[in-house]
Structures are given as C-alpha cells and as structure tokens.
Protein backbone atom coordinates (compact mmCIF):
# COMPACT_ATOMS: atom_id res chain seq x y z
CA MET A 1 0.00 0.00 0.00
CA LEU A 2 2.77 2.46 0.93
CA SER A 3 5.83 3.24 -1.12
CA HIS A 4 9.26 3.09 0.50
CA ASP A 5 9.21 6.83 1.28
CA GLU A 6 5.82 6.88 3.03
CA VAL A 7 4.84 6.28 6.65
CA ILE A 8 1.67 6.43 8.76
CA VAL A 9 1.99 8.37 12.03
CA PHE A 10 -0.54 7.48 14.74
CA ILE A 11 -1.26 9.87 17.64
CA HIS A 12 -3.07 8.65 20.76
CA GLY A 13 -5.60 10.54 22.88
CA LEU A 14 -5.96 11.89 26.41
CA GLY A 15 -6.69 8.69 28.31
CA SER A 16 -4.44 6.23 26.50
CA GLU A 17 -0.94 5.81 25.12
CA SER A 18 0.64 4.56 21.94
CA SER A 19 -0.34 0.90 22.40
CA ILE A 20 -3.97 1.81 21.67
CA TRP A 21 -2.97 1.55 18.00
CA ASP A 22 -1.34 -1.89 18.15
CA HIS A 23 -4.16 -3.90 16.55
CA CYS A 24 -4.84 -1.24 13.93
CA ARG A 25 -1.16 -0.90 13.02
CA ALA A 26 -0.83 -4.68 12.64
CA GLN A 27 -3.10 -4.47 9.60
CA LEU A 28 -1.24 -1.60 7.94
CA SER A 29 2.33 -1.15 6.77
CA ALA A 30 5.16 1.21 7.69
CA SER A 31 3.80 3.00 10.72
CA LEU A 32 5.00 4.95 13.75
CA ALA A 33 3.07 5.48 17.00
CA PRO A 34 4.93 7.72 19.45
CA ASP A 35 3.88 8.45 23.00
CA LEU A 36 3.04 12.10 23.55
CA PRO A 37 5.12 14.17 26.00
CA GLY A 38 4.12 13.36 29.58
CA TYR A 39 2.84 9.90 28.66
CA ALA A 40 4.42 6.51 29.36
CA GLN A 41 8.18 7.16 29.56
CA GLU A 42 8.18 10.47 27.68
CA PRO A 43 9.18 13.65 29.59
CA ARG A 44 6.78 16.58 29.72
CA LEU A 45 7.09 19.54 27.39
CA ALA A 46 9.40 22.24 28.69
CA GLY A 47 7.07 25.11 27.77
CA PRO A 48 3.35 25.85 27.67
CA PRO A 49 1.49 22.99 25.98
CA SER A 50 -0.09 23.65 22.60
CA PRO A 51 -0.86 21.44 19.58
CA SER A 52 2.08 22.99 17.73
CA GLU A 53 4.50 22.32 20.59
CA TYR A 54 3.42 18.66 20.78
CA ALA A 55 3.78 18.39 17.00
CA ARG A 56 7.25 19.96 16.98
CA HIS A 57 8.36 17.64 19.77
CA ILE A 58 7.30 14.57 17.79
CA LEU A 59 8.87 15.80 14.57
CA ALA A 60 12.13 16.62 16.36
CA ALA A 61 12.17 13.22 18.08
CA HIS A 62 11.70 11.45 14.74
CA PRO A 63 13.89 13.28 12.19
CA GLU A 64 13.32 10.47 9.69
CA LEU A 65 9.87 11.97 9.11
CA THR A 66 11.46 14.98 7.42
CA GLU A 67 12.48 12.70 4.54
CA ARG A 68 9.19 10.86 4.02
CA ARG A 69 5.63 11.56 2.94
CA ILE A 70 3.43 11.10 5.98
CA HIS A 71 -0.15 10.02 6.53
CA VAL A 72 -1.22 11.33 9.93
CA VAL A 73 -3.91 9.67 12.07
CA GLY A 74 -5.12 11.02 15.42
CA HIS A 75 -7.61 9.79 18.01
CA SER A 76 -9.73 12.03 20.25
CA MET A 77 -7.46 14.68 21.84
CA GLY A 78 -4.66 13.36 19.63
CA CYS A 79 -6.52 14.77 16.63
CA LEU A 80 -5.42 18.25 17.72
CA VAL A 81 -1.79 17.10 17.62
CA ALA A 82 -2.26 15.15 14.40
CA ALA A 83 -3.72 18.23 12.70
CA ALA A 84 -0.82 20.33 14.00
CA ILE A 85 1.68 17.80 12.58
CA ALA A 86 -0.09 18.04 9.23
CA SER A 87 0.12 21.82 9.45
CA GLU A 88 3.77 21.88 10.52
CA SER A 89 4.65 19.40 7.74
CA SER A 90 2.22 20.59 5.10
CA CYS A 91 4.59 19.95 2.19
CA ARG A 92 5.08 16.31 3.26
CA THR A 93 1.64 15.40 4.63
CA ALA A 94 -0.30 13.30 2.13
CA THR A 95 -3.47 12.59 4.17
CA LEU A 96 -4.98 13.37 7.56
CA THR A 97 -7.41 11.07 9.38
CA LEU A 98 -9.21 12.18 12.54
CA VAL A 99 -10.81 9.45 14.64
CA SER A 100 -13.49 10.52 17.15
CA PRO A 101 -11.98 14.02 17.17
CA THR A 102 -11.99 16.43 20.10
CA PHE A 103 -12.34 20.03 18.95
CA GLY A 104 -10.70 21.72 21.94
CA PHE A 105 -12.32 24.60 23.79
CA GLY A 106 -10.01 27.46 22.89
CA ARG A 107 -12.96 29.52 21.64
CA ALA A 108 -14.69 29.45 25.03
CA PRO A 109 -14.48 32.45 27.40
CA GLU A 110 -11.66 32.31 29.95
CA HIS A 111 -13.95 31.52 32.90
CA GLU A 112 -15.56 28.68 30.94
CA ARG A 113 -12.19 27.24 29.96
CA ARG A 114 -11.05 27.30 33.61
CA ARG A 115 -14.26 25.52 34.64
CA ILE A 116 -13.79 22.80 32.02
CA ILE A 117 -10.19 22.25 33.10
CA ALA A 118 -11.29 21.92 36.74
CA ASP A 119 -14.04 19.49 35.79
CA ARG A 120 -11.59 17.34 33.85
CA MET A 121 -8.92 17.30 36.57
CA THR A 122 -11.02 17.09 39.76
CA PRO A 123 -11.43 13.27 39.62
CA LEU A 124 -7.64 12.90 39.54
CA ARG A 125 -7.38 14.47 42.99
CA THR A 126 -8.70 11.29 44.56
CA ARG A 127 -8.08 8.67 41.86
CA THR A 128 -4.82 7.49 40.34
CA PRO A 129 -4.62 7.87 36.54
CA PRO A 130 -5.13 4.11 35.98
CA GLU A 131 -8.18 4.19 38.28
CA TRP A 132 -9.49 7.29 36.50
CA ALA A 133 -9.12 5.57 33.14
CA ARG A 134 -10.95 2.45 34.33
CA ASP A 135 -13.74 4.60 35.76
CA ASN A 136 -14.38 5.96 32.25
CA VAL A 137 -14.56 2.67 30.36
CA ASP A 138 -18.38 2.59 30.31
CA ARG A 139 -18.39 6.00 28.58
CA LEU A 140 -15.65 5.06 26.15
CA VAL A 141 -16.87 1.79 24.65
CA ASP A 142 -20.21 0.77 23.22
CA ALA A 143 -22.57 -1.23 25.44
CA SER A 144 -22.27 -4.14 22.99
CA ALA A 145 -18.47 -4.35 23.35
CA ALA A 146 -17.09 -7.83 23.95
CA PRO A 147 -15.55 -8.61 27.36
CA THR A 148 -12.10 -8.79 25.75
CA THR A 149 -12.56 -5.31 24.30
CA ARG A 150 -13.60 -3.93 27.69
CA ALA A 151 -10.64 -5.65 29.33
CA ARG A 152 -8.27 -4.08 26.80
CA ALA A 153 -9.83 -0.65 27.35
CA GLU A 154 -9.30 -1.00 31.10
CA THR A 155 -5.53 -1.35 30.63
CA LEU A 156 -5.05 1.79 28.52
CA GLY A 157 -4.52 3.99 31.56
CA ASP A 158 -1.82 1.87 33.16
CA LEU A 159 1.00 4.16 31.94
CA LEU A 160 -0.75 7.48 32.48
CA HIS A 161 0.58 10.28 34.72
CA ARG A 162 -1.30 13.19 36.26
CA GLU A 163 1.17 15.70 34.85
CA GLY A 164 0.78 14.41 31.32
CA ILE A 165 -3.00 14.48 31.54
CA SER A 166 -2.90 17.97 33.06
CA ASP A 167 -0.70 19.26 30.23
CA ALA A 168 -2.97 17.69 27.62
CA VAL A 169 -6.10 19.23 29.15
CA GLU A 170 -4.35 22.60 29.25
CA MET A 171 -3.42 22.14 25.59
CA MET A 172 -7.05 21.40 24.73
CA SER A 173 -8.07 24.64 26.48
CA ARG A 174 -5.82 26.59 24.08
CA SER A 175 -6.95 24.75 20.94
CA ASP A 176 -9.45 25.03 18.11
CA LEU A 177 -9.38 22.01 15.80
CA LEU A 178 -11.42 23.66 13.07
CA ALA A 179 -9.01 26.60 12.90
CA ILE A 180 -6.07 24.23 12.41
CA VAL A 181 -7.83 22.02 9.87
CA ALA A 182 -9.07 25.02 7.87
CA GLU A 183 -5.45 25.79 6.93
CA ILE A 184 -4.62 22.26 5.79
CA SER A 185 -4.89 21.35 2.11
CA CYS A 186 -4.35 17.58 2.18
CA PRO A 187 -7.30 15.14 1.94
CA LEU A 188 -9.13 14.87 5.27
CA MET A 189 -11.21 11.97 6.56
CA VAL A 190 -13.12 11.84 9.85
CA VAL A 191 -14.19 8.50 11.37
CA TYR A 192 -16.76 8.14 14.16
CA GLY A 193 -18.20 5.36 16.24
CA GLN A 194 -21.94 5.34 15.61
CA ASN A 195 -22.68 5.28 19.36
CA ASP A 196 -19.92 7.61 20.57
CA THR A 197 -21.29 9.67 23.49
CA ILE A 198 -18.07 11.60 24.16
CA THR A 199 -17.72 13.13 20.69
CA PRO A 200 -21.19 12.50 19.18
CA ALA A 201 -21.02 12.12 15.43
CA ASP A 202 -24.01 14.23 14.43
CA GLU A 203 -22.90 17.36 16.29
CA SER A 204 -19.31 16.99 15.12
CA ILE A 205 -20.35 16.48 11.49
CA ARG A 206 -22.40 19.67 11.71
CA ARG A 207 -19.33 21.56 12.88
CA PHE A 208 -17.10 20.14 10.15
CA GLY A 209 -19.74 21.19 7.64
CA ALA A 210 -18.68 24.80 8.20
CA LEU A 211 -15.31 24.14 6.55
CA ARG A 212 -14.70 25.37 3.03
CA ARG A 213 -13.85 21.77 2.07
CA PRO A 214 -15.88 19.41 4.29
CA PRO A 215 -14.12 16.12 5.03
CA ASP A 216 -14.97 12.60 4.00
CA ILE A 217 -17.08 11.23 6.87
CA GLN A 218 -17.17 7.55 7.85
CA ARG A 219 -19.16 5.89 10.64
CA VAL A 220 -18.50 2.55 12.30
CA ALA A 221 -21.56 0.70 13.59
CA ARG A 222 -21.85 -0.75 17.09
CA SER A 223 -18.87 1.28 18.32
CA GLY A 224 -18.27 4.05 20.81
CA HIS A 225 -15.34 6.42 21.31
CA LEU A 226 -12.50 3.87 21.39
CA LEU A 227 -12.50 2.85 17.75
CA PRO A 228 -8.82 1.77 17.71
CA VAL A 229 -9.75 -0.85 20.33
CA GLU A 230 -13.39 -1.57 19.46
CA ALA A 231 -13.07 -1.88 15.68
CA PRO A 232 -9.38 -1.87 14.67
CA ALA A 233 -9.90 -3.89 11.47
CA GLU A 234 -12.69 -1.67 10.16
CA LEU A 235 -10.79 1.46 11.15
CA ALA A 236 -7.66 0.19 9.41
CA GLY A 237 -9.76 -0.46 6.32
CA HIS A 238 -11.00 3.14 6.26
CA ILE A 239 -7.44 4.45 6.71
CA ARG A 240 -6.18 2.18 3.92
CA ASN A 241 -8.92 3.32 1.54
CA HIS A 242 -8.25 6.98 2.36
CA ILE A 243 -4.55 6.59 1.59
CA GLN A 244 -5.18 4.63 -1.60
CA GLU A 245 -7.60 7.27 -2.89
CA GLU A 246 -4.90 9.91 -2.42
CA GLN A 247 -2.37 7.74 -4.24
CA GLN A 248 -4.53 7.35 -7.34
C-alpha cells in the first residue's frame, strides 16, 4: 500500500498511550506510533502545551519523518496534535485522518475554559490515573463491546501520569481544531463510532460542515469512542482506503 518513502503516524488521545494503535497498526504497513510528552516514559514539554509544541516535539524526536511523505492519524485529543503535525509538515503530509476528534475549547471564554479544566482534573485528585481511566470505560466503549474489548480498554490507563493528563487538558483549552484544519490542504477523513457519546457524530459532522472543504465522513456501527480498540480492522480499512484514494 505504501511506497518506500511513506509512513503512517498514529497519535493517541488523552486517556491512553501509543499501544492503543497496536491492533490497527498490525493491519497496515510502515507505521509509527509515538507516546506524547508526559505519557508513558516520555518527559513533559518544557514550555506551555499547545498542539504545535506537541507536534514539533514529535517531529524533532523522529527526524526520519522529514524525509518521508506522511499520513497522519489522530484519536480524540490526539486529533489536535495530528492536525498540528499536518500543518507543521504541510509539504510532506499526504493525508490526515481524525478518529473521534476532540475540537478543543479554545474559543470558550476564559472563565468557561477554567471551569472545564477543573471538571476534567477534579477526579484525579482522589483517583490514580489508571483508576481514572478504568472509571471511564463505560463511557468510552459501546454497550455491545465484547468482554475482551472492555478488558483491553481498562488497561489503557496503566502508563498514564497526572502531569501528562494535566498538560494535555491545558493544551485542549488553548486549541481550536477547526481553525487548524481550515489551513490544511491535504485530503481529510473523519471517522466516528456510531454510538460515541463523548464526541457524538451528528454534532461533530455539523461543525465540520462549516469548513470550506468538508471532510470525507465515515461511521463505524456498534462502536463508541475507542475505535482503535473496538473496531481496529474496520478502522484500518478506512485508513487504507483513504490513503489509496490519495495515491490514485
């Protein structure tokens, strides 16, 4: 599917780390899935967190990307970073895929942004990050998810750290996904779980409709927010088709 000078870059979301992509990557070729700063073994960013700073960190940590055409895929909060990578590497980015995207709340008034940050971080005052992640599993996966899928979802928070989550939430408070995407010229696809209650498809599709070039929209049935875990084969198929359409 990919030529020797192409690579797929996968970016994880707020409550997971790079292994969320393992089953999806196994069905695609030539891919890279870094952990974001503050996640797993990665140190935090030195400065204020923003999508561009996360993107620059990843690009600096993987200089081989400067010599290859890249297909960028993000999940949830990671869509902000994925879009920033596509923007920072516009001349090399061939496609961008956003999976269950979070839009950020940078357009909200300051007092509203502070309230949202507090709401997101308050549970972590009394719960460890792995406990916090397990508490959210019912919201993340569809009610029809198999026990093995739920069990996998429950492990995604095992390598999380409060500081990394805090930085990511702060980054979301400074971000506006539509503003980033509006400046990107490469083909864009957005994939949703049909029953996602965290980033509901209908409302998000309405917001993307305001773009000058609305994206290709795909829905995955019987799935919630964790598409890379709930439906990795179907998601990989959509990514493959998106890349192949660009290659034609």
